[in-house]
Amino acid sequence: MTLRHMPRRSRRGTIIGSSVAAAAALTLVLTGCGAGGSSSASGSMSITVLVEAGGHGELQPIADQYKKDEGVTVKFVELPYDGLYNRVNSELSSGTASFDVAALDAVWLPAFKDGLTSMNGFYTDEVKSDNFPAVMQEAKIDSTYVGVPAFANSEIVYYRTDLFDDAANKSAFKAEFGYDLAAPTTWQQYSDIAEFFTKDGMYGTGWPGAVETQYLSTLSQAGEKNMVLDEAGTSSTLGDATSLTALNFYTSLVKYAPSGAASADWNAVQNQFYQGKTAMMQFWAHAYRQVPKDSSVYGKIGVAALPAGPGGVAGVPGPYYLSIPKATKNQTAAMDFVKYAYEHQALSADTSLGLVARISVLNQFKDKTGYEAYGPMVETLSAPATISRPANAKWQNIVNDVLIPMIQKAVVPGADNAALLKDAAQQVDSIVGE
């Protein structure tokens, strides 16, 4: 996130903790945490759970209650994002595991699937009905579910209620655009509002060029059925009419954002909004409860679902899953904890990030003070047009080497979006064809 005292978010949209947490995690690794769970001399059971530094907080209340209810100690090993990936990749590749459960980013599952225990038996009709379709889709690689949703996230719209509720602004906006000023529900409304507030040193919206997920949300809103790759995963869908519609709209908003969009990442967009420089931003739902009290916009923020494009309301899910390595000798104990964590997910709602995955839990809290972001998150992730990122082991290469560079070029005035998409499609085809 931003303003230093908040957890940071990588361009992948994942939670990254401080260097202190990473150092502590490294100390745990170097001193040895054993080959997964173990029994102490007193006979008490423990299991080891790998988590990204920062995501630990979502699971700690569950672990505490699990200890009280079942007498099992959950030992967390925290690692930074890349360190977690490397640790899991190395151990699964070698057929060994020093952990029993790992909280994994959805985009990693295709690469790790062969080393993870099948969760097919967990996915009853009841479970399937309580999770977002796109989140369910990302958990399933080929015909096998390899993770259970631990928490999910989505971008939503943030807007300044003090500006939107101002009588003078309301009157002037209606006179100019012919309808009432309110939280935007469509592309056109978002564009109109961004244009209206871009004046007198203020900008209508923050707009990032150095991250890919906001363009991917726009791609879904445009009506794309297969995100970047076709259903077979063998060739790119970039360059079709839908991807051009999405990129044209995406780049049309740059003129209503602070300069430097090509280098703007999530931190920049969030900082601009918190500093009162922008009237709106599209950002991850968890940040609603983390607005600094010394921010000029504290207590003046409203939230709404992402706007509808030609394909409707849509976003990109950002889930994490609890997965079990095949190599752990504690399969039963690991599965017991995963089931318990899923059933007691409501305990995560009161954490600093407040991230949960189950629809029923989000609905349980969404009307309570402090949880206002849950409703827009449910609306966005439940929308039929919301699609998941492709289950391809080379997805992060596509993001780093193709999507972000393409977007950074597209947000520069005068860019040829059609040519950029055509070139990007060729690069993606080359990557998946290797």
Protein backbone atom coordinates (compact mmCIF):
# COMPACT_ATOMS: atom_id res chain seq x y z
CA MET A 1 0.00 0.00 0.00
CA THR A 2 1.21 3.47 0.64
CA LEU A 3 2.27 6.06 3.19
CA ARG A 4 5.02 3.78 4.51
CA HIS A 5 3.16 2.52 7.58
CA MET A 6 0.83 0.34 5.54
CA PRO A 7 1.56 -3.05 3.96
CA ARG A 8 2.87 -2.71 0.46
CA ARG A 9 1.29 -4.32 -2.59
CA SER A 10 3.36 -5.67 -5.43
CA ARG A 11 2.45 -5.16 -9.07
CA ARG A 12 0.98 -8.64 -8.92
CA GLY A 13 -1.58 -7.24 -6.47
CA THR A 14 -0.36 -9.30 -3.56
CA ILE A 15 0.32 -8.36 0.04
CA ILE A 16 3.97 -7.89 0.90
CA GLY A 17 5.15 -7.33 4.43
CA SER A 18 8.08 -5.40 5.80
CA SER A 19 11.72 -6.40 5.60
CA VAL A 20 11.55 -7.07 9.33
CA ALA A 21 8.93 -9.76 8.80
CA ALA A 22 10.94 -11.20 5.94
CA ALA A 23 14.07 -11.30 8.08
CA ALA A 24 12.17 -13.03 10.86
CA ALA A 25 10.89 -15.58 8.37
CA LEU A 26 14.40 -16.18 7.07
CA THR A 27 15.58 -16.80 10.61
CA LEU A 28 12.89 -19.45 10.98
CA VAL A 29 14.01 -21.10 7.76
CA LEU A 30 17.68 -21.11 8.72
CA THR A 31 17.09 -22.47 12.20
CA GLY A 32 14.87 -25.20 10.79
CA CYS A 33 11.14 -25.61 11.14
CA GLY A 34 11.05 -29.33 10.71
CA ALA A 35 9.52 -31.49 8.03
CA GLY A 36 5.99 -30.23 8.41
CA GLY A 37 3.92 -30.81 11.53
CA SER A 38 5.15 -32.73 14.52
CA SER A 39 4.23 -33.95 17.96
CA SER A 40 6.01 -32.56 21.00
CA ALA A 41 7.19 -34.58 23.97
CA SER A 42 3.91 -33.78 25.67
CA GLY A 43 2.00 -35.23 22.75
CA SER A 44 0.55 -31.97 21.44
CA MET A 45 0.29 -31.70 17.66
CA SER A 46 1.55 -28.87 15.47
CA ILE A 47 1.39 -28.09 11.78
CA THR A 48 3.49 -25.67 9.73
CA VAL A 49 1.84 -23.17 7.40
CA LEU A 50 3.76 -21.09 4.85
CA VAL A 51 2.32 -17.61 4.25
CA GLU A 52 3.31 -14.43 2.50
CA ALA A 53 4.56 -11.86 4.99
CA GLY A 54 1.53 -9.69 5.69
CA GLY A 55 -1.06 -12.35 4.88
CA HIS A 56 -0.33 -14.06 8.18
CA GLY A 57 -2.72 -11.70 9.94
CA GLU A 58 -5.73 -13.10 8.10
CA LEU A 59 -5.08 -16.60 9.40
CA GLN A 60 -3.85 -15.89 12.94
CA PRO A 61 -7.32 -15.55 14.55
CA ILE A 62 -8.30 -18.85 12.96
CA ALA A 63 -5.10 -20.50 14.22
CA ASP A 64 -5.72 -19.16 17.73
CA GLN A 65 -9.24 -20.56 17.80
CA TYR A 66 -8.06 -23.84 16.29
CA LYS A 67 -5.58 -24.23 19.15
CA LYS A 68 -8.40 -23.70 21.67
CA ASP A 69 -10.82 -26.03 19.93
CA GLU A 70 -8.56 -28.80 18.70
CA GLY A 71 -5.35 -28.46 20.69
CA VAL A 72 -3.25 -28.15 17.53
CA THR A 73 -0.61 -25.42 17.26
CA VAL A 74 -0.24 -23.70 13.91
CA LYS A 75 3.32 -22.55 13.25
CA PHE A 76 3.47 -19.83 10.61
CA VAL A 77 6.55 -19.30 8.45
CA GLU A 78 6.37 -15.89 6.74
CA LEU A 79 8.23 -15.12 3.53
CA PRO A 80 8.14 -12.23 1.04
CA TYR A 81 6.16 -12.85 -2.15
CA ASP A 82 9.03 -14.00 -4.36
CA GLY A 83 10.64 -15.88 -1.49
CA LEU A 84 7.42 -17.81 -0.87
CA TYR A 85 7.17 -18.76 -4.53
CA ASN A 86 10.79 -19.89 -4.64
CA ARG A 87 10.51 -21.89 -1.42
CA VAL A 88 7.38 -23.73 -2.51
CA ASN A 89 8.70 -24.28 -6.04
CA SER A 90 11.98 -25.69 -4.78
CA GLU A 91 10.41 -28.09 -2.29
CA LEU A 92 7.63 -29.32 -4.56
CA SER A 93 10.16 -29.89 -7.35
CA SER A 94 12.35 -31.97 -5.04
CA GLY A 95 9.45 -33.99 -3.68
CA THR A 96 10.05 -32.86 -0.11
CA ALA A 97 8.11 -30.49 2.11
CA SER A 98 9.03 -28.69 5.30
CA PHE A 99 5.45 -27.39 5.53
CA ASP A 100 1.99 -28.91 5.74
CA VAL A 101 -0.10 -26.10 4.25
CA ALA A 102 0.73 -23.05 2.14
CA ALA A 103 -1.33 -19.95 1.32
CA LEU A 104 -0.75 -19.58 -2.42
CA ASP A 105 -1.53 -16.90 -4.97
CA ALA A 106 -3.96 -18.10 -7.63
CA VAL A 107 -1.49 -17.42 -10.45
CA TRP A 108 0.96 -19.93 -8.95
CA LEU A 109 -1.36 -22.93 -8.94
CA PRO A 110 -0.76 -24.00 -12.57
CA ALA A 111 2.98 -24.20 -11.92
CA PHE A 112 2.57 -26.10 -8.63
CA LYS A 113 -0.33 -28.40 -9.48
CA ASP A 114 1.67 -31.62 -9.82
CA GLY A 115 3.02 -31.29 -6.27
CA LEU A 116 -0.28 -30.41 -4.58
CA THR A 117 -2.87 -32.69 -3.03
CA SER A 118 -6.22 -32.95 -4.80
CA MET A 119 -9.01 -31.10 -3.01
CA ASN A 120 -11.78 -32.52 -5.21
CA GLY A 121 -13.42 -34.26 -2.26
CA PHE A 122 -13.79 -30.95 -0.44
CA TYR A 123 -15.79 -29.28 -3.19
CA THR A 124 -19.36 -30.23 -2.39
CA ASP A 125 -22.30 -28.47 -4.02
CA GLU A 126 -22.62 -26.40 -0.83
CA VAL A 127 -19.01 -25.21 -1.09
CA LYS A 128 -19.36 -24.40 -4.77
CA SER A 129 -22.50 -22.34 -4.15
CA ASP A 130 -20.73 -20.22 -1.49
CA ASN A 131 -17.82 -19.11 -3.66
CA PHE A 132 -17.52 -16.82 -6.65
CA PRO A 133 -17.42 -18.63 -10.00
CA ALA A 134 -14.15 -17.00 -11.04
CA VAL A 135 -12.54 -17.88 -7.71
CA MET A 136 -13.70 -21.47 -8.13
CA GLN A 137 -12.30 -21.55 -11.65
CA GLU A 138 -8.85 -20.45 -10.55
CA ALA A 139 -8.72 -23.19 -7.91
CA LYS A 140 -9.21 -25.89 -10.56
CA ILE A 141 -6.31 -26.87 -12.79
CA ASP A 142 -7.40 -29.22 -15.56
CA SER A 143 -9.84 -31.48 -13.64
CA THR A 144 -8.34 -31.10 -10.19
CA TYR A 145 -8.98 -28.56 -7.43
CA VAL A 146 -5.62 -27.90 -5.77
CA GLY A 147 -6.58 -25.26 -3.21
CA VAL A 148 -9.39 -24.09 -0.94
CA PRO A 149 -10.23 -20.35 -1.01
CA ALA A 150 -8.72 -18.60 2.01
CA PHE A 151 -9.40 -15.00 1.04
CA ALA A 152 -10.32 -13.10 -2.10
CA ASN A 153 -10.04 -9.53 -3.28
CA SER A 154 -11.27 -7.31 -6.07
CA GLU A 155 -10.78 -3.80 -7.30
CA ILE A 156 -13.72 -1.49 -6.59
CA VAL A 157 -14.42 2.20 -7.12
CA TYR A 158 -13.43 4.68 -4.40
CA TYR A 159 -14.83 8.21 -4.59
CA ARG A 160 -14.82 11.40 -2.53
CA THR A 161 -18.21 11.78 -0.83
CA ASP A 162 -17.45 15.36 0.16
CA LEU A 163 -17.06 16.28 -3.52
CA PHE A 164 -19.96 14.17 -4.77
CA ASP A 165 -22.35 15.49 -2.08
CA ASP A 166 -21.42 19.15 -2.57
CA ALA A 167 -24.50 21.08 -3.75
CA ALA A 168 -22.54 23.30 -6.14
CA ASN A 169 -20.85 20.29 -7.73
CA LYS A 170 -24.19 18.51 -8.06
CA SER A 171 -25.77 21.48 -9.79
CA ALA A 172 -22.86 22.13 -12.12
CA PHE A 173 -22.52 18.47 -13.07
CA LYS A 174 -26.20 18.08 -13.92
CA ALA A 175 -26.13 21.26 -15.97
CA GLU A 176 -23.14 19.97 -17.96
CA PHE A 177 -24.00 16.28 -18.37
CA GLY A 178 -27.76 16.12 -17.90
CA TYR A 179 -27.92 13.60 -15.06
CA ASP A 180 -27.29 13.52 -11.31
CA LEU A 181 -23.79 13.27 -9.89
CA ALA A 182 -23.46 9.92 -8.08
CA ALA A 183 -21.14 6.94 -7.86
CA PRO A 184 -20.45 5.84 -11.45
CA THR A 185 -22.07 2.63 -12.68
CA THR A 186 -20.99 2.72 -16.34
CA TRP A 187 -17.89 3.56 -18.37
CA GLN A 188 -19.56 6.72 -19.65
CA GLN A 189 -20.41 7.92 -16.16
CA TYR A 190 -16.91 7.21 -14.91
CA SER A 191 -15.46 9.17 -17.82
CA ASP A 192 -17.89 12.08 -17.38
CA ILE A 193 -17.16 12.35 -13.65
CA ALA A 194 -13.41 12.12 -14.23
CA GLU A 195 -13.66 14.91 -16.77
CA PHE A 196 -15.80 17.06 -14.48
CA PHE A 197 -13.38 16.97 -11.55
CA THR A 198 -10.25 17.53 -13.63
CA LYS A 199 -9.83 21.23 -12.95
CA ASP A 200 -8.26 23.72 -10.57
CA GLY A 201 -5.29 21.48 -9.83
CA MET A 202 -7.40 18.38 -9.16
CA TYR A 203 -7.76 15.27 -11.29
CA GLY A 204 -10.80 13.11 -11.82
CA THR A 205 -9.12 9.77 -11.29
CA GLY A 206 -5.87 8.01 -10.61
CA TRP A 207 -4.77 5.79 -13.49
CA PRO A 208 -1.89 3.28 -13.41
CA GLY A 209 0.18 2.26 -16.40
CA ALA A 210 2.69 0.12 -14.49
CA VAL A 211 0.27 -2.62 -13.40
CA GLU A 212 -1.82 -4.97 -15.49
CA THR A 213 -4.90 -5.89 -13.45
CA GLN A 214 -6.83 -2.66 -14.03
CA TYR A 215 -6.58 -3.15 -17.79
CA LEU A 216 -7.64 -6.78 -17.32
CA SER A 217 -10.72 -5.59 -15.41
CA THR A 218 -11.47 -3.24 -18.28
CA LEU A 219 -11.01 -6.13 -20.69
CA SER A 220 -13.64 -8.12 -18.79
CA GLN A 221 -15.97 -5.12 -18.73
CA ALA A 222 -15.61 -4.87 -22.50
CA GLY A 223 -17.03 -8.39 -22.78
CA GLU A 224 -13.94 -10.53 -23.35
CA LYS A 225 -14.69 -14.20 -22.67
CA ASN A 226 -11.11 -15.47 -22.47
CA MET A 227 -8.58 -13.24 -20.76
CA VAL A 228 -5.50 -12.74 -22.96
CA LEU A 229 -5.29 -16.45 -23.88
CA ASP A 230 -7.85 -18.54 -25.73
CA GLU A 231 -9.64 -21.37 -23.95
CA ALA A 232 -6.98 -23.89 -24.99
CA GLY A 233 -4.23 -21.61 -23.71
CA THR A 234 -2.30 -21.89 -26.95
CA SER A 235 -2.76 -18.48 -28.54
CA SER A 236 -3.57 -14.92 -27.54
CA THR A 237 -6.91 -13.16 -27.77
CA LEU A 238 -5.21 -9.76 -27.71
CA GLY A 239 -5.78 -7.85 -30.92
CA ASP A 240 -9.44 -8.80 -31.24
CA ALA A 241 -12.11 -6.09 -31.31
CA THR A 242 -12.90 -6.48 -27.61
CA SER A 243 -9.32 -5.99 -26.46
CA LEU A 244 -9.06 -2.86 -28.61
CA THR A 245 -12.32 -1.47 -27.18
CA ALA A 246 -10.93 -2.05 -23.70
CA LEU A 247 -7.55 -0.47 -24.39
CA ASN A 248 -9.11 2.53 -26.12
CA PHE A 249 -11.33 3.20 -23.11
CA TYR A 250 -8.49 2.56 -20.69
CA THR A 251 -6.21 5.07 -22.36
CA SER A 252 -8.99 7.62 -22.82
CA LEU A 253 -8.95 8.26 -19.06
CA VAL A 254 -5.27 9.13 -18.86
CA LYS A 255 -6.01 12.80 -19.61
CA TYR A 256 -8.03 12.97 -16.39
CA ALA A 257 -5.22 11.56 -14.23
CA PRO A 258 -2.02 13.06 -12.82
CA SER A 259 0.94 13.06 -15.18
CA GLY A 260 3.29 10.12 -15.32
CA ALA A 261 0.72 7.36 -15.85
CA ALA A 262 3.31 5.15 -17.57
CA SER A 263 5.24 4.79 -14.32
CA ALA A 264 2.27 4.97 -11.92
CA ASP A 265 1.73 1.80 -9.91
CA TRP A 266 -0.74 0.95 -7.14
CA ASN A 267 1.25 2.91 -4.57
CA ALA A 268 1.15 6.03 -6.70
CA VAL A 269 -2.59 5.83 -7.38
CA GLN A 270 -3.37 5.24 -3.72
CA ASN A 271 -1.13 8.07 -2.55
CA GLN A 272 -2.70 10.50 -5.01
CA PHE A 273 -6.17 9.69 -3.69
CA TYR A 274 -5.19 9.87 -0.02
CA GLN A 275 -3.49 13.21 -0.62
CA GLY A 276 -6.70 14.65 -2.08
CA LYS A 277 -5.33 14.98 -5.62
CA THR A 278 -7.95 12.76 -7.28
CA ALA A 279 -11.71 12.49 -6.96
CA MET A 280 -11.85 8.75 -7.71
CA MET A 281 -9.67 5.69 -7.95
CA GLN A 282 -10.13 2.02 -8.71
CA PHE A 283 -8.36 0.03 -6.02
CA TRP A 284 -8.45 -3.21 -4.07
CA ALA A 285 -11.34 -3.59 -1.63
CA HIS A 286 -9.23 -4.33 1.44
CA ALA A 287 -7.81 -0.79 1.46
CA TYR A 288 -11.16 0.73 2.50
CA ARG A 289 -10.46 0.04 6.18
CA GLN A 290 -6.84 1.17 5.97
CA VAL A 291 -7.22 4.85 5.10
CA PRO A 292 -4.79 6.77 7.35
CA LYS A 293 -6.55 8.97 9.88
CA ASP A 294 -4.25 11.85 9.01
CA SER A 295 -5.29 11.70 5.35
CA SER A 296 -7.27 14.69 4.08
CA VAL A 297 -9.91 12.29 2.73
CA TYR A 298 -10.36 10.21 5.88
CA GLY A 299 -14.07 9.78 6.58
CA LYS A 300 -14.97 11.20 3.16
CA ILE A 301 -14.83 8.06 1.04
CA GLY A 302 -17.59 6.13 -0.65
CA VAL A 303 -17.25 2.83 -2.50
CA ALA A 304 -19.05 1.18 -5.40
CA ALA A 305 -18.70 -1.79 -7.73
CA LEU A 306 -16.50 -1.43 -10.77
CA PRO A 307 -18.32 0.27 -13.68
CA ALA A 308 -20.07 -1.63 -16.44
CA GLY A 309 -18.69 -1.59 -19.95
CA PRO A 310 -20.32 -3.19 -23.02
CA GLY A 311 -20.05 -6.57 -21.29
CA GLY A 312 -21.38 -5.38 -17.93
CA VAL A 313 -19.88 -4.97 -14.47
CA ALA A 314 -16.69 -6.99 -14.15
CA GLY A 315 -13.40 -7.24 -12.35
CA VAL A 316 -10.49 -9.59 -11.79
CA PRO A 317 -10.50 -11.76 -8.66
CA GLY A 318 -7.41 -11.72 -6.46
CA PRO A 319 -7.73 -14.93 -4.40
CA TYR A 320 -5.33 -16.90 -2.25
CA TYR A 321 -5.81 -20.60 -1.57
CA LEU A 322 -4.78 -22.98 1.18
CA SER A 323 -3.00 -25.88 -0.51
CA ILE A 324 -1.40 -29.05 0.81
CA PRO A 325 1.82 -30.50 -0.62
CA LYS A 326 1.67 -34.18 -1.58
CA ALA A 327 5.01 -34.63 0.17
CA THR A 328 3.80 -33.79 3.69
CA LYS A 329 3.43 -36.77 6.01
CA ASN A 330 0.62 -34.94 7.82
CA GLN A 331 -2.07 -35.07 5.15
CA THR A 332 -4.92 -35.68 7.59
CA ALA A 333 -3.83 -32.95 10.03
CA ALA A 334 -3.27 -30.51 7.17
CA MET A 335 -6.69 -31.19 5.66
CA ASP A 336 -8.33 -30.84 9.06
CA PHE A 337 -6.87 -27.35 9.43
CA VAL A 338 -7.82 -26.33 5.89
CA LYS A 339 -11.42 -27.40 6.52
CA TYR A 340 -11.48 -25.60 9.85
CA ALA A 341 -10.06 -22.42 8.32
CA TYR A 342 -12.74 -22.48 5.63
CA GLU A 343 -15.55 -23.08 8.10
CA HIS A 344 -14.31 -20.32 10.46
CA GLN A 345 -13.45 -17.76 7.80
CA ALA A 346 -15.56 -15.12 9.53
CA LEU A 347 -12.72 -14.76 12.06
CA SER A 348 -10.63 -13.15 9.30
CA ALA A 349 -13.18 -10.38 8.73
CA ASP A 350 -12.03 -8.48 11.81
CA THR A 351 -8.35 -8.40 10.82
CA SER A 352 -6.55 -5.32 9.49
CA LEU A 353 -7.10 -6.35 5.87
CA GLY A 354 -10.45 -7.99 6.50
CA LEU A 355 -10.10 -10.35 3.57
CA VAL A 356 -12.39 -13.36 3.24
CA ALA A 357 -13.52 -15.44 0.28
CA ARG A 358 -16.92 -16.96 1.04
CA ILE A 359 -19.97 -15.13 -0.26
CA SER A 360 -21.96 -15.94 2.89
CA VAL A 361 -19.29 -14.37 5.12
CA LEU A 362 -19.08 -11.23 2.98
CA ASN A 363 -22.87 -10.91 3.08
CA GLN A 364 -22.84 -11.47 6.85
CA PHE A 365 -20.72 -8.36 7.38
CA LYS A 366 -21.42 -6.09 4.40
CA ASP A 367 -24.08 -3.95 6.14
CA LYS A 368 -21.95 -3.36 9.23
CA THR A 369 -19.93 -0.19 9.79
CA GLY A 370 -16.38 -0.61 8.57
CA TYR A 371 -17.27 -3.29 6.04
CA GLU A 372 -18.82 -1.06 3.38
CA ALA A 373 -16.38 -2.37 0.75
CA TYR A 374 -17.80 -5.89 1.01
CA GLY A 375 -20.99 -5.07 -0.93
CA PRO A 376 -19.19 -3.64 -4.00
CA MET A 377 -16.76 -6.54 -3.84
CA VAL A 378 -19.62 -9.07 -3.90
CA GLU A 379 -21.31 -7.24 -6.77
CA THR A 380 -18.11 -7.10 -8.80
CA LEU A 381 -16.99 -10.70 -8.23
CA SER A 382 -20.52 -12.10 -8.69
CA ALA A 383 -20.98 -10.38 -12.05
CA PRO A 384 -21.26 -12.83 -14.97
CA ALA A 385 -18.68 -10.85 -16.96
CA THR A 386 -16.00 -11.27 -14.26
CA ILE A 387 -13.51 -13.83 -15.53
CA SER A 388 -10.35 -15.26 -14.04
CA ARG A 389 -6.81 -15.05 -15.28
CA PRO A 390 -5.76 -18.01 -17.43
CA ALA A 391 -4.44 -21.14 -15.72
CA ASN A 392 -1.08 -21.04 -17.43
CA ALA A 393 2.28 -21.66 -15.80
CA LYS A 394 3.77 -18.88 -17.95
CA TRP A 395 1.22 -16.25 -16.92
CA GLN A 396 3.63 -14.18 -14.85
CA ASN A 397 6.04 -14.07 -17.79
CA ILE A 398 3.19 -12.77 -19.94
CA VAL A 399 2.41 -10.10 -17.34
CA ASN A 400 5.99 -8.94 -16.85
CA ASP A 401 7.26 -9.20 -20.41
CA VAL A 402 4.18 -8.29 -22.45
CA LEU A 403 1.17 -6.80 -20.65
CA ILE A 404 2.83 -4.18 -18.46
CA PRO A 405 5.20 -2.93 -21.22
CA MET A 406 2.24 -2.75 -23.63
CA ILE A 407 0.12 -0.72 -21.19
CA GLN A 408 3.02 1.62 -20.41
CA LYS A 409 3.36 2.36 -24.12
CA ALA A 410 -0.41 2.69 -24.62
CA VAL A 411 -0.86 5.41 -21.98
CA VAL A 412 1.59 7.68 -23.80
CA PRO A 413 -0.33 10.23 -25.94
CA GLY A 414 -0.41 9.31 -29.62
CA ALA A 415 0.07 5.57 -29.10
CA ASP A 416 -1.26 3.20 -31.77
CA ASN A 417 -3.33 0.84 -29.62
CA ALA A 418 -4.18 -1.56 -32.44
CA ALA A 419 -0.52 -1.98 -33.35
CA LEU A 420 0.46 -2.43 -29.70
CA LEU A 421 -2.14 -5.15 -29.23
CA LYS A 422 -1.06 -6.95 -32.40
CA ASP A 423 2.56 -6.91 -31.29
CA ALA A 424 1.57 -8.05 -27.78
CA ALA A 425 -0.42 -10.96 -29.20
CA GLN A 426 2.62 -12.13 -31.16
CA GLN A 427 4.77 -11.95 -28.05
CA VAL A 428 2.24 -13.92 -26.01
CA ASP A 429 2.00 -16.58 -28.72
CA SER A 430 5.77 -16.87 -28.65
CA ILE A 431 5.84 -17.31 -24.86
CA VAL A 432 3.13 -20.00 -24.72
CA GLY A 433 4.61 -21.76 -27.73
CA GLU A 434 8.03 -22.21 -26.14
